[in-house]
Structure formats: structure tokens, C-alpha cells
């Protein structure tokens, strides 16, 4: 072998010996994966009844809502009041019949009701005389010709009827808004309950990690106590969240007319709730067309006409009446004794101040109705401005909550990794876990608040005719 290859061969031999002396590189250790089991990690029990869709919830609301039934009964009352007011302007026909008998003088005909003896002149005609006992029949008709107060009363009743119809529409709008809020609250509570269980599982995993670190001699009892305290806090949050879920379901059940809790099925599409609500209600062209404002204006108009009706009581009235009277005769069966027609002029003179008191009372009712209308107008203007602004605020809060949740998740991952290699203490581990749970709950809450803000903004300026 030439001498020039000797150094190369020596280098190869040295490298081979060094390779034999160097140990084989070991794979990286597998991260510790704790296995936790806890009865509280089981999902929350389902409600005895589930709502599958918005249409189903709206149908239950329409069928079982006592508020809607009460409002519809108000329409019946208003229609009845209108019919009563109309009766004062229509003809009034009355028929009556009776039999009169004088116990002391059986042969003397007497008028039924009064007992007045009937003279022969009233019965004589073609040789017919009144019978004893005497049977009579009468028909009377009266018709108002000029009665300003009755016309004002009819106008007041018509305005009250319009107000009752507008009140029903407003009740439908408010029920729709309340139903949407109840559904969003249930879905949000179920999501919060789910996140609370995730938080408890993570807290249990951190406690198991601290226990393992203590067993290996790299941790302390203080680290274990802190992680176990975090588990206790997570349990409290879970218990509180489950109670909020039960109360939200009970509120939904009460809104739908049930005595028990009602839940929402897992397949319920909350994101499409705004579009479904828009299919049930229509937007208004102006805020002044909102049903509650229409009802308030109708109530003011009704109170004004009612006050005018009381004032019209000072005016005279003109009416026409006609009376027909018949009695039994011998030979029978009987004959028409009288048939009269008359015009009646009625002029009020003095009623002891009753009319004046009535006018003052109804003037006060009119002032109250005007004040209620102005208050409603101010509240509606403020509510509309607030709901419009609420959509923008909700969107901004969702954006910031998402950023906060991403940062909290990153911080928690880095803190846990640092704790595993001994560069972070248990206090930092627990704090990062608590911050992550709060950030996740805040993000979920903000997302649901955004959906609710959109619903509020639409239903505040909508008309529901379902």
C-alpha cells in the first residue's frame, strides 16, 4: 500500500472507533398525558322537551301565550264597546205583553202592570168590550235623530278598537323579541356549560401533571395545592353554569306556556335565527309606525272623543218614538187600541254637576293619554338609537374577545410547556388556565350577544303579523 494513503486509512480507523464509542441518539421523550375521570365531566342532562326549530317555537308561542290571548280578548272588549256605542244611534224596538186581573172587582178590566181600571172607551169599537181579565200587548220604537254625544261616543269606541288591534301587534312583536332572547339565552347557557366542563377537564389534567411532577421530585406540595385549588374553582364555575342553564330552560318553557323546562335541540341553527325572524316579521318604513306608538295615539284619540262626548251632554237631543197598544176584547180576539208617533226634544237643564264632573274626569284621562304617548315616543326613539348602536358595539366586542382568547390560549400553552421543563411555577400555570377559561367564556358570550343585538335591532323597528 502506498505511503500517501496511510493518513487516510488512519483517519477512517479513528472515525470508526469513535462511532463505536458514541452512544445511539435516543428519541425525544413522550409528553406526559394524564388521564382524568370525574363524574362532573358528564354532559348536562337534557330538558324534558326540546325545541327543534324557530317555526316550532313560534307555533307554540302562538298557541299557548297568555299575553297574546289577553290582548286578543282586548279586541273583543273594544268591539263590544263599539257595538254598544252604535246602539245609541240605531232604532230601539221593544215589545211587551201582560195580563191584568182585579182581585176585588173581577169583572173590571185593569191594565197589566199598573192595575189601572180600563174605561170602556178604549175597548169599544164595533161593539167589542175589554175582557176581564185583560190581556194587552204593546210595541214601542224610538230613534235618535240628533245626538252629538252618541256620535262622539261611537268615534271614541272606534279609536279604542284601533288601539286594541295595534296593542295585539305590539304584543306579538314583544313576544317574538322575548322568544328570541330566551332561545339565545338557552343556547348560550348550554355553550357555557360545555366550556365549563372543558375547563374542569383541563384543571384536572394540570392537577395530575403537578402530582406527577411532585412524584418525580421536581415539584412541591405548594404546586399541587395550587392546581387542586384551581380544580375547586372550576367545579364551582361548572355548578353555577349548570344552574344558569336550568334557569334559562325554565324561562324558555315559561315563555312557551309550559310549567317545566324546555331546551333547544343540538341541531338548532342559531346563526339563521335572524333570517327566520325576518320571515315572520316585516320591517317598518318609519319608527312612527311601531304598533305601540299607534296604540298610544289611538288611546289618545279615544280619550279626546270621550271627553267631547261628555261635553256634548250639554246639548239638546232630538228623537222620534212610536207606540202601538193592543188589548183583548169580547168578542175576540182583540183589537189595536192606540198607535201614536211623536217627536221628542230633550234639553238638559241641571244634573247636580254630574256632567261637569264627567267632563273634568275625561279631560284628565285625555291628559294622561297624551303624556303616555309622549313618554312612549321618547322611549322608542332612545331604544331605536340604542339597538342600532348595539350592533356595532357587539361586533367590536366579538373581535376583541377573539383576539383575547387567542392570546390566552397561546399563553396557557407556553406556560404549561415551561412548567413541564421547570421554568414556570404553579402560580403562573393556574393563572394562565383561569385566564383561558375566562377568555373562552367571554368569546362565547360576545358571539351570542352579537346575534341578540342583530335581533333586537330588527325587532325594534318591525311589525309582526303572525
Protein backbone atom coordinates (compact mmCIF):
# COMPACT_ATOMS: atom_id res chain seq x y z
CA UNK A 1 0.00 0.00 0.00
CA UNK A 2 1.49 3.43 -0.90
CA UNK A 3 2.52 5.64 1.96
CA UNK A 4 0.31 8.51 0.82
CA UNK A 5 -2.82 6.54 1.80
CA UNK A 6 -1.67 5.77 5.32
CA UNK A 7 -3.04 9.01 6.95
CA UNK A 8 -6.39 8.50 5.24
CA UNK A 9 -6.63 4.93 6.48
CA UNK A 10 -5.72 6.07 9.98
CA UNK A 11 -8.41 8.72 9.91
CA UNK A 12 -11.01 6.14 8.79
CA UNK A 13 -9.98 3.77 11.53
CA UNK A 14 -10.15 6.53 14.15
CA UNK A 15 -13.61 7.59 12.98
CA UNK A 16 -14.87 4.02 13.15
CA UNK A 17 -13.60 3.60 16.70
CA UNK A 18 -15.19 6.90 17.71
CA UNK A 19 -18.50 5.83 16.20
CA UNK A 20 -18.35 2.60 18.23
CA UNK A 21 -17.73 4.57 21.44
CA UNK A 22 -20.55 7.16 20.80
CA UNK A 23 -24.00 6.01 22.16
CA UNK A 24 -27.00 5.90 19.79
CA UNK A 25 -29.20 9.09 19.91
CA UNK A 26 -32.44 8.45 21.90
CA UNK A 27 -35.87 9.62 20.62
CA UNK A 28 -37.42 12.64 22.43
CA UNK A 29 -39.48 11.74 25.50
CA UNK A 30 -43.23 11.48 25.07
CA UNK A 31 -45.07 14.33 26.83
CA UNK A 32 -46.99 13.32 29.91
CA UNK A 33 -50.65 12.74 29.03
CA UNK A 34 -52.73 12.49 32.19
CA UNK A 35 -55.97 10.54 32.11
CA UNK A 36 -58.70 12.07 34.24
CA UNK A 37 -62.10 10.70 35.14
CA UNK A 38 -64.73 12.65 37.04
CA UNK A 39 -68.50 12.33 37.35
CA UNK A 40 -68.95 16.07 36.82
CA UNK A 41 -67.46 15.82 33.34
CA UNK A 42 -70.61 14.10 32.09
CA UNK A 43 -72.74 16.32 29.83
CA UNK A 44 -75.58 18.28 31.36
CA UNK A 45 -78.89 16.36 31.34
CA UNK A 46 -81.31 17.27 28.57
CA UNK A 47 -84.57 19.09 29.18
CA UNK A 48 -87.79 17.04 29.14
CA UNK A 49 -88.85 18.84 25.95
CA UNK A 50 -86.71 20.07 23.07
CA UNK A 51 -87.41 22.77 20.51
CA UNK A 52 -86.24 21.75 17.06
CA UNK A 53 -86.72 24.97 15.05
CA UNK A 54 -87.85 28.57 15.16
CA UNK A 55 -91.11 27.67 13.44
CA UNK A 56 -91.94 25.14 16.14
CA UNK A 57 -91.19 27.64 18.91
CA UNK A 58 -93.30 30.31 17.21
CA UNK A 59 -96.21 27.90 16.78
CA UNK A 60 -96.09 27.00 20.49
CA UNK A 61 -95.96 30.69 21.37
CA UNK A 62 -98.97 31.47 19.19
CA UNK A 63 -100.94 28.60 20.70
CA UNK A 64 -100.10 28.89 24.40
CA UNK A 65 -99.18 32.51 25.14
CA UNK A 66 -101.47 34.02 27.78
CA UNK A 67 -100.29 37.54 26.91
CA UNK A 68 -101.48 37.08 23.34
CA UNK A 69 -104.79 35.65 24.50
CA UNK A 70 -105.30 38.60 26.82
CA UNK A 71 -104.52 41.07 24.04
CA UNK A 72 -106.93 39.35 21.68
CA UNK A 73 -109.59 39.48 24.38
CA UNK A 74 -108.98 43.22 24.46
CA UNK A 75 -110.08 43.37 20.82
CA UNK A 76 -113.32 41.61 21.76
CA UNK A 77 -113.90 44.13 24.52
CA UNK A 78 -113.25 47.03 22.15
CA UNK A 79 -115.63 45.59 19.58
CA UNK A 80 -118.27 45.16 22.25
CA UNK A 81 -117.83 48.76 23.34
CA UNK A 82 -118.16 49.92 19.72
CA UNK A 83 -121.36 47.92 19.33
CA UNK A 84 -122.77 49.49 22.49
CA UNK A 85 -121.97 52.97 21.18
CA UNK A 86 -123.57 52.17 17.85
CA UNK A 87 -126.76 51.00 19.57
CA UNK A 88 -127.42 54.56 20.74
CA UNK A 89 -127.75 55.63 17.10
CA UNK A 90 -129.88 52.73 15.82
CA UNK A 91 -133.63 52.21 16.25
CA UNK A 92 -134.69 50.69 19.54
CA UNK A 93 -137.72 48.40 19.28
CA UNK A 94 -139.33 46.82 22.33
CA UNK A 95 -142.36 44.53 22.65
CA UNK A 96 -144.22 43.59 25.82
CA UNK A 97 -147.33 41.60 26.79
CA UNK A 98 -149.22 41.12 30.02
CA UNK A 99 -152.43 40.03 31.75
CA UNK A 100 -154.23 42.13 34.41
CA UNK A 101 -156.80 40.86 36.96
CA UNK A 102 -158.52 42.79 39.75
CA UNK A 103 -158.96 40.51 42.75
CA UNK A 104 -161.55 42.77 44.42
CA UNK A 105 -163.50 43.53 41.25
CA UNK A 106 -163.12 40.54 38.95
CA UNK A 107 -165.44 41.97 36.31
CA UNK A 108 -163.45 45.20 35.91
CA UNK A 109 -160.70 45.20 33.24
CA UNK A 110 -157.39 46.56 34.61
CA UNK A 111 -154.20 47.48 32.77
CA UNK A 112 -151.40 44.97 33.43
CA UNK A 113 -148.51 46.35 35.43
CA UNK A 114 -150.28 49.46 36.75
CA UNK A 115 -153.62 47.97 37.83
CA UNK A 116 -155.48 50.99 36.47
CA UNK A 117 -159.10 50.27 35.54
CA UNK A 118 -159.63 50.44 31.80
CA UNK A 119 -162.51 52.58 30.62
CA UNK A 120 -164.96 51.27 28.09
CA UNK A 121 -163.93 53.86 25.53
CA UNK A 122 -160.62 52.23 24.91
CA UNK A 123 -162.20 48.93 24.13
CA UNK A 124 -165.37 49.95 22.37
CA UNK A 125 -165.25 49.57 18.66
CA UNK A 126 -167.61 47.57 16.54
CA UNK A 127 -169.35 46.50 19.76
CA UNK A 128 -166.23 44.93 21.32
CA UNK A 129 -165.50 45.46 25.01
CA UNK A 130 -162.30 44.78 27.04
CA UNK A 131 -162.15 41.39 28.65
CA UNK A 132 -161.67 40.66 32.32
CA UNK A 133 -159.01 39.53 32.97
CA UNK A 134 -157.46 41.82 30.40
CA UNK A 135 -154.61 40.82 28.08
CA UNK A 136 -152.51 43.53 26.46
CA UNK A 137 -149.62 43.77 24.01
CA UNK A 138 -147.54 46.82 23.10
CA UNK A 139 -144.73 47.65 20.68
CA UNK A 140 -142.60 50.76 21.02
CA UNK A 141 -139.97 52.17 18.68
CA UNK A 142 -137.56 55.02 19.33
CA UNK A 143 -134.97 56.51 17.00
CA UNK A 144 -132.37 59.15 17.75
CA UNK A 145 -132.27 61.90 15.14
CA UNK A 146 -129.83 64.45 16.58
CA UNK A 147 -127.46 63.23 19.30
CA UNK A 148 -123.94 64.67 19.13
CA UNK A 149 -122.84 62.84 22.26
CA UNK A 150 -123.75 59.46 20.77
CA UNK A 151 -121.71 60.18 17.65
CA UNK A 152 -118.72 61.21 19.80
CA UNK A 153 -119.10 58.02 21.78
CA UNK A 154 -119.03 55.99 18.57
CA UNK A 155 -115.85 57.77 17.44
CA UNK A 156 -114.24 57.07 20.82
CA UNK A 157 -115.16 53.38 20.56
CA UNK A 158 -113.74 53.15 17.03
CA UNK A 159 -110.43 54.67 18.20
CA UNK A 160 -110.36 52.23 21.10
CA UNK A 161 -110.86 49.36 18.69
CA UNK A 162 -107.92 50.52 16.57
CA UNK A 163 -105.83 50.84 19.70
CA UNK A 164 -106.69 47.28 20.76
CA UNK A 165 -105.68 45.93 17.35
CA UNK A 166 -102.39 47.83 17.50
CA UNK A 167 -101.81 46.51 21.01
CA UNK A 168 -102.12 42.94 19.72
CA UNK A 169 -99.49 43.67 17.08
CA UNK A 170 -97.20 45.16 19.71
CA UNK A 171 -97.70 42.12 21.94
CA UNK A 172 -96.71 39.89 19.03
CA UNK A 173 -93.58 41.96 18.47
CA UNK A 174 -92.63 41.84 22.13
CA UNK A 175 -93.36 38.11 22.35
CA UNK A 176 -91.18 37.50 19.30
CA UNK A 177 -88.39 39.52 20.85
CA UNK A 178 -88.76 37.71 24.18
CA UNK A 179 -88.78 34.32 22.48
CA UNK A 180 -85.62 35.10 20.52
CA UNK A 181 -83.88 36.26 23.70
CA UNK A 182 -84.95 33.12 25.54
CA UNK A 183 -83.66 30.89 22.74
CA UNK A 184 -80.34 32.74 22.58
CA UNK A 185 -80.03 32.56 26.37
CA UNK A 186 -80.55 28.78 26.36
CA UNK A 187 -78.03 28.20 23.58
CA UNK A 188 -75.52 30.49 25.32
CA UNK A 189 -76.04 28.71 28.64
CA UNK A 190 -75.53 25.31 27.01
CA UNK A 191 -72.34 26.55 25.38
CA UNK A 192 -71.12 27.96 28.70
CA UNK A 193 -71.88 24.65 30.44
CA UNK A 194 -69.87 22.84 27.77
CA UNK A 195 -66.93 25.22 28.20
CA UNK A 196 -67.09 24.81 31.97
CA UNK A 197 -66.65 21.07 31.56
CA UNK A 198 -63.72 21.62 29.25
CA UNK A 199 -62.22 23.95 31.85
CA UNK A 200 -62.70 21.38 34.60
CA UNK A 201 -61.04 18.70 32.50
CA UNK A 202 -58.06 20.96 31.85
CA UNK A 203 -57.84 21.82 35.54
CA UNK A 204 -57.85 18.11 36.43
CA UNK A 205 -55.11 17.48 33.86
CA UNK A 206 -52.98 20.24 35.40
CA UNK A 207 -53.51 18.79 38.84
CA UNK A 208 -52.43 15.36 37.57
CA UNK A 209 -49.37 16.99 35.97
CA UNK A 210 -48.47 18.66 39.27
CA UNK A 211 -48.92 15.34 41.07
CA UNK A 212 -46.60 13.63 38.57
CA UNK A 213 -44.05 16.41 38.91
CA UNK A 214 -44.12 16.03 42.69
CA UNK A 215 -43.60 12.27 42.42
CA UNK A 216 -40.54 12.84 40.23
CA UNK A 217 -39.11 15.26 42.78
CA UNK A 218 -39.31 18.35 40.55
CA UNK A 219 -42.40 19.85 42.22
CA UNK A 220 -43.57 20.89 45.65
CA UNK A 221 -46.67 20.49 47.76
CA UNK A 222 -47.42 24.16 47.08
CA UNK A 223 -47.63 23.45 43.36
CA UNK A 224 -50.03 20.58 43.97
CA UNK A 225 -52.19 22.66 46.33
CA UNK A 226 -52.48 25.48 43.81
CA UNK A 227 -53.59 23.18 40.99
CA UNK A 228 -56.11 21.46 43.25
CA UNK A 229 -57.46 24.86 44.26
CA UNK A 230 -57.88 25.64 40.57
CA UNK A 231 -59.88 22.41 40.23
CA UNK A 232 -62.20 23.56 43.03
CA UNK A 233 -62.74 26.91 41.28
CA UNK A 234 -63.51 25.12 38.01
CA UNK A 235 -66.04 22.93 39.81
CA UNK A 236 -67.78 25.98 41.24
CA UNK A 237 -67.99 27.54 37.78
CA UNK A 238 -69.47 24.32 36.39
CA UNK A 239 -72.11 24.07 39.13
CA UNK A 240 -73.07 27.73 38.69
CA UNK A 241 -73.19 27.36 34.91
CA UNK A 242 -75.47 24.32 35.12
CA UNK A 243 -77.87 26.23 37.35
CA UNK A 244 -77.91 29.11 34.86
CA UNK A 245 -78.68 26.58 32.13
CA UNK A 246 -81.61 25.17 34.11
CA UNK A 247 -82.98 28.66 34.75
CA UNK A 248 -82.63 29.61 31.07
CA UNK A 249 -84.54 26.48 30.08
CA UNK A 250 -87.24 27.24 32.64
CA UNK A 251 -87.54 30.79 31.29
CA UNK A 252 -87.93 29.41 27.76
CA UNK A 253 -90.54 26.95 28.96
CA UNK A 254 -92.49 29.72 30.68
CA UNK A 255 -92.31 31.88 27.55
CA UNK A 256 -93.74 28.98 25.53
CA UNK A 257 -96.53 28.35 28.05
CA UNK A 258 -95.20 25.28 29.88
CA UNK A 259 -94.75 24.59 33.59
CA UNK A 260 -91.46 22.76 33.00
CA UNK A 261 -88.12 23.50 31.40
CA UNK A 262 -87.76 23.48 27.62
CA UNK A 263 -84.40 23.06 25.92
CA UNK A 264 -83.03 23.54 22.44
CA UNK A 265 -82.04 20.59 20.29
CA UNK A 266 -78.38 20.29 19.25
CA UNK A 267 -79.38 20.82 15.62
CA UNK A 268 -80.96 24.21 16.28
CA UNK A 269 -79.40 26.77 13.91
CA UNK A 270 -78.85 29.92 15.92
CA UNK A 271 -77.00 31.73 13.15
CA UNK A 272 -80.07 31.55 10.91
CA UNK A 273 -82.36 32.90 13.62
CA UNK A 274 -82.16 36.46 12.27
CA UNK A 275 -83.26 35.36 8.79
CA UNK A 276 -86.06 33.23 10.22
CA UNK A 277 -87.27 36.13 12.34
CA UNK A 278 -87.32 38.38 9.30
CA UNK A 279 -89.59 35.84 7.61
CA UNK A 280 -92.07 36.16 10.50
CA UNK A 281 -91.97 39.96 10.83
CA UNK A 282 -91.67 42.85 8.38
CA UNK A 283 -89.57 46.00 8.81
CA UNK A 284 -91.35 49.32 9.26
CA UNK A 285 -91.00 52.21 6.88
CA UNK A 286 -90.69 54.64 9.79
CA UNK A 287 -90.37 54.39 13.55
CA UNK A 288 -93.67 56.21 13.97
CA UNK A 289 -95.49 53.15 12.58
CA UNK A 290 -94.46 50.96 15.51
CA UNK A 291 -97.53 49.23 16.98
CA UNK A 292 -97.07 50.58 20.50
CA UNK A 293 -96.98 54.15 19.21
CA UNK A 294 -100.06 53.50 17.07
CA UNK A 295 -101.83 52.11 20.11
CA UNK A 296 -100.86 55.13 22.20
CA UNK A 297 -102.13 57.53 19.52
CA UNK A 298 -105.39 55.60 19.28
CA UNK A 299 -105.83 55.75 23.04
CA UNK A 300 -105.29 59.49 22.97
CA UNK A 301 -107.86 59.86 20.19
CA UNK A 302 -110.31 57.70 22.11
CA UNK A 303 -109.83 59.78 25.27
CA UNK A 304 -110.31 63.01 23.32
CA UNK A 305 -113.56 61.80 21.75
CA UNK A 306 -114.72 60.53 25.11
CA UNK A 307 -114.17 63.98 26.60
CA UNK A 308 -116.07 65.52 23.68
CA UNK A 309 -118.88 63.07 24.27
CA UNK A 310 -119.16 64.27 27.86
CA UNK A 311 -119.13 67.91 26.72
CA UNK A 312 -121.86 67.15 24.18
CA UNK A 313 -124.09 66.17 27.07
CA UNK A 314 -124.93 69.87 27.48
CA UNK A 315 -126.53 69.91 24.00
CA UNK A 316 -130.18 69.06 23.36
CA UNK A 317 -131.16 65.86 21.57
CA UNK A 318 -133.99 65.16 19.12
CA UNK A 319 -135.65 61.80 18.72
CA UNK A 320 -138.72 60.11 17.24
CA UNK A 321 -140.83 57.50 19.00
CA UNK A 322 -143.84 55.40 18.05
CA UNK A 323 -146.05 53.26 20.32
CA UNK A 324 -148.69 50.68 19.43
CA UNK A 325 -151.11 49.27 22.08
CA UNK A 326 -153.49 46.30 21.65
CA UNK A 327 -155.81 44.51 24.09
CA UNK A 328 -158.14 41.55 24.26
CA UNK A 329 -161.85 42.15 23.67
CA UNK A 330 -165.20 40.43 23.58
CA UNK A 331 -165.92 39.26 21.00
CA UNK A 332 -162.30 38.45 20.38
CA UNK A 333 -159.65 38.03 19.81
CA UNK A 334 -158.77 41.71 20.29
CA UNK A 335 -158.00 45.00 18.60
CA UNK A 336 -155.36 47.71 18.31
CA UNK A 337 -156.38 50.36 20.74
CA UNK A 338 -153.84 53.12 20.01
CA UNK A 339 -150.95 53.80 17.64
CA UNK A 340 -149.08 57.02 18.17
CA UNK A 341 -145.99 58.74 16.75
CA UNK A 342 -144.22 61.66 18.38
CA UNK A 343 -141.11 63.79 18.18
CA UNK A 344 -139.16 64.36 21.38
CA UNK A 345 -136.85 67.28 22.12
CA UNK A 346 -134.75 66.76 25.27
CA UNK A 347 -132.91 69.72 26.78
CA UNK A 348 -130.61 69.08 29.78
CA UNK A 349 -131.04 71.74 32.45
CA UNK A 350 -129.42 70.66 35.68
CA UNK A 351 -127.98 67.33 36.79
CA UNK A 352 -126.42 68.31 40.07
CA UNK A 353 -122.99 68.87 38.49
CA UNK A 354 -122.73 65.30 37.23
CA UNK A 355 -121.97 66.35 33.66
CA UNK A 356 -119.31 68.83 34.75
CA UNK A 357 -117.59 66.22 36.86
CA UNK A 358 -117.67 63.78 33.95
CA UNK A 359 -116.10 66.33 31.62
CA UNK A 360 -113.28 67.08 34.08
CA UNK A 361 -112.64 63.39 34.66
CA UNK A 362 -112.36 62.61 30.96
CA UNK A 363 -110.21 65.69 30.40
CA UNK A 364 -107.78 64.25 32.95
CA UNK A 365 -107.82 60.90 31.13
CA UNK A 366 -107.00 62.73 27.90
CA UNK A 367 -104.04 64.48 29.52
CA UNK A 368 -102.77 61.16 30.84
CA UNK A 369 -103.06 59.59 27.40
CA UNK A 370 -101.15 62.50 25.86
CA UNK A 371 -98.39 62.15 28.46
CA UNK A 372 -98.22 58.39 27.87
CA UNK A 373 -97.88 58.95 24.12
CA UNK A 374 -95.05 61.42 24.60
CA UNK A 375 -93.27 59.08 27.01
CA UNK A 376 -93.62 56.18 24.58
CA UNK A 377 -92.32 58.31 21.74
CA UNK A 378 -89.20 59.26 23.71
CA UNK A 379 -88.58 55.70 24.84
CA UNK A 380 -88.94 54.34 21.31
CA UNK A 381 -86.53 56.94 19.91
CA UNK A 382 -83.96 56.06 22.56
CA UNK A 383 -84.50 52.32 22.10
CA UNK A 384 -84.02 52.52 18.34
CA UNK A 385 -80.81 54.53 18.67
CA UNK A 386 -79.51 52.14 21.32
CA UNK A 387 -80.21 48.98 19.32
CA UNK A 388 -78.64 50.41 16.18
CA UNK A 389 -75.52 51.28 18.13
CA UNK A 390 -75.62 47.91 19.88
CA UNK A 391 -74.87 46.01 16.68
CA UNK A 392 -71.64 47.91 16.12
CA UNK A 393 -70.64 47.54 19.75
CA UNK A 394 -71.34 43.79 19.70
CA UNK A 395 -69.23 43.29 16.57
CA UNK A 396 -66.32 45.19 18.11
CA UNK A 397 -66.57 43.17 21.33
CA UNK A 398 -66.54 39.90 19.41
CA UNK A 399 -63.39 40.95 17.58
CA UNK A 400 -61.55 41.93 20.76
CA UNK A 401 -62.77 38.81 22.60
CA UNK A 402 -61.45 36.59 19.79
CA UNK A 403 -58.07 38.28 19.98
CA UNK A 404 -58.02 37.92 23.76
CA UNK A 405 -58.93 34.26 23.57
CA UNK A 406 -56.15 33.53 21.04
CA UNK A 407 -53.58 35.27 23.26
CA UNK A 408 -54.84 33.46 26.37
CA UNK A 409 -54.60 30.10 24.60
CA UNK A 410 -51.06 30.85 23.45
CA UNK A 411 -50.06 32.00 26.93
CA UNK A 412 -51.53 28.88 28.51
CA UNK A 413 -49.69 26.57 26.12
CA UNK A 414 -46.36 28.31 26.70
CA UNK A 415 -46.87 28.37 30.46
CA UNK A 416 -47.69 24.68 30.59
CA UNK A 417 -44.65 23.83 28.48
CA UNK A 418 -42.46 25.97 30.72
CA UNK A 419 -43.88 24.27 33.80
CA UNK A 420 -43.09 20.84 32.36
CA UNK A 421 -39.41 21.76 31.94
CA UNK A 422 -39.24 23.61 35.26
CA UNK A 423 -39.09 27.20 34.06
CA UNK A 424 -42.54 28.27 35.34
CA UNK A 425 -44.13 27.83 38.72
CA UNK A 426 -47.57 26.53 39.61
CA UNK A 427 -48.95 30.03 40.23
CA UNK A 428 -48.28 31.03 36.63
CA UNK A 429 -49.81 27.74 35.45
CA UNK A 430 -53.02 28.29 37.42
CA UNK A 431 -53.33 31.94 36.42
CA UNK A 432 -52.91 31.16 32.73
CA UNK A 433 -55.54 28.42 32.98
CA UNK A 434 -58.02 30.75 34.71
CA UNK A 435 -57.40 33.45 32.11
CA UNK A 436 -58.02 30.96 29.31
CA UNK A 437 -61.32 29.82 30.80
CA UNK A 438 -62.47 33.39 31.22
CA UNK A 439 -61.42 34.27 27.67
CA UNK A 440 -63.31 31.30 26.20
CA UNK A 441 -66.46 32.14 28.15
CA UNK A 442 -66.16 35.80 27.19
CA UNK A 443 -65.83 34.96 23.49
CA UNK A 444 -68.85 32.64 23.58
CA UNK A 445 -70.88 35.28 25.41
CA UNK A 446 -69.89 38.01 22.96
CA UNK A 447 -70.85 35.86 19.98
CA UNK A 448 -74.30 35.25 21.41
CA UNK A 449 -74.64 38.92 22.30
CA UNK A 450 -73.89 39.78 18.68
CA UNK A 451 -76.74 37.54 17.47
CA UNK A 452 -79.07 39.05 20.06
CA UNK A 453 -78.04 42.59 19.11
CA UNK A 454 -78.98 41.93 15.50
CA UNK A 455 -82.34 40.50 16.56
CA UNK A 456 -83.01 43.48 18.83
CA UNK A 457 -82.11 45.96 16.11
CA UNK A 458 -84.51 44.30 13.66
CA UNK A 459 -87.45 43.66 16.00
CA UNK A 460 -87.26 47.16 17.46
CA UNK A 461 -88.37 48.52 14.09
CA UNK A 462 -90.53 45.63 12.88
CA UNK A 463 -94.17 44.64 12.69
CA UNK A 464 -95.15 41.04 13.45
CA UNK A 465 -98.44 39.76 11.99
CA UNK A 466 -98.06 36.02 12.64
